[in-house]
Protein backbone atom coordinates (compact mmCIF):
# COMPACT_ATOMS: atom_id res chain seq x y z
CA MET A 1 -5.27 4.89 24.37
CA ALA A 2 -6.37 6.39 21.04
CA GLU A 3 -6.32 4.39 17.83
CA LYS A 4 -3.23 4.75 15.67
CA LEU A 5 -3.55 7.16 12.73
CA VAL A 6 -0.62 5.66 10.84
CA MET A 7 1.17 2.36 10.51
CA THR A 8 4.47 1.17 9.11
CA VAL A 9 4.75 -0.25 5.61
CA ASP A 10 5.37 -3.67 7.19
CA GLU A 11 2.12 -3.40 9.17
CA ALA A 12 0.23 -2.31 6.05
CA ALA A 13 1.67 -5.23 4.09
CA ASN A 14 0.59 -7.62 6.82
CA LEU A 15 -2.95 -6.21 6.85
CA LEU A 16 -3.19 -6.37 3.06
CA GLY A 17 -1.76 -9.89 2.94
CA ILE A 18 1.09 -8.92 0.60
CA SER A 19 4.82 -9.24 0.95
CA ARG A 20 6.98 -6.54 2.48
CA GLY A 21 8.80 -6.15 -0.84
CA LEU A 22 5.58 -5.66 -2.79
CA ALA A 23 4.40 -3.07 -0.27
CA TYR A 24 7.63 -1.07 -0.58
CA ALA A 25 7.46 -1.35 -4.39
CA ALA A 26 3.89 0.01 -4.24
CA VAL A 27 5.15 2.92 -2.10
CA ARG A 28 7.94 3.66 -4.60
CA ASP A 29 5.53 3.56 -7.54
CA GLY A 30 2.92 5.67 -5.77
CA ARG A 31 0.33 2.87 -5.69
CA LEU A 32 0.29 2.80 -1.89
CA PRO A 33 -0.47 6.20 -0.32
CA HIS A 34 2.17 7.12 2.25
CA LEU A 35 3.91 9.94 4.04
CA ARG A 36 7.53 10.38 4.98
CA ILE A 37 8.62 11.72 8.33
CA GLY A 38 12.38 11.88 8.29
CA ARG A 39 13.51 8.46 7.11
CA ARG A 40 10.31 6.75 8.21
CA ILE A 41 7.66 5.81 5.69
CA LEU A 42 4.19 5.64 7.18
CA VAL A 43 0.82 4.64 5.77
CA SER A 44 -2.32 6.45 6.92
CA VAL A 45 -4.91 4.04 8.30
CA ALA A 46 -7.70 6.14 6.73
CA ALA A 47 -5.93 6.22 3.33
CA LEU A 48 -5.39 2.46 3.43
CA GLU A 49 -9.07 1.90 4.25
CA ARG A 50 -10.08 4.15 1.31
CA LEU A 51 -7.71 2.24 -0.99
CA VAL A 52 -9.26 -1.07 0.00
CA GLU A 53 -12.74 0.39 -0.62
CA GLU A 54 -11.65 1.61 -4.07
CA VAL A 55 -10.26 -1.80 -4.99
CA GLY A 56 -13.75 -3.22 -4.52
CA HIS A 57 -15.27 -0.60 -6.85
CA ALA A 58 -12.65 0.06 -9.51
CA ASN A 59 -9.65 -1.37 -11.28
CA VAL A 60 -7.02 -0.34 -8.73
CA MET A 61 -3.95 -2.55 -8.68
CA LEU A 62 -1.24 -2.94 -6.07
CA THR A 63 0.48 -5.70 -7.99
CA PRO A 64 2.31 -4.77 -11.18
CA PRO A 65 0.63 -6.04 -14.35
CA ALA A 66 1.99 -9.29 -15.73
CA THR A 67 4.43 -8.94 -18.56
CA LEU A 68 3.44 -10.74 -21.72
CA VAL A 69 6.23 -12.91 -23.03
CA GLY A 70 6.61 -12.91 -26.79
CA ALA A 71 3.87 -10.35 -27.33
């Protein structure tokens, strides 16, 4: 059987070691590359691999920046 080209947001979250909620927030904000097919939201395996590569070379964030209290 051929390798999968896409995965669910839950699968991507698991691979990245982040929560399901954070993964869906990253999809909503455009920080996690995705495609929609009907109601399904899918993450390209190749796009996820590129994202992980970029994180090692640049300031790419999946987590929202911390809010400064009293600043």
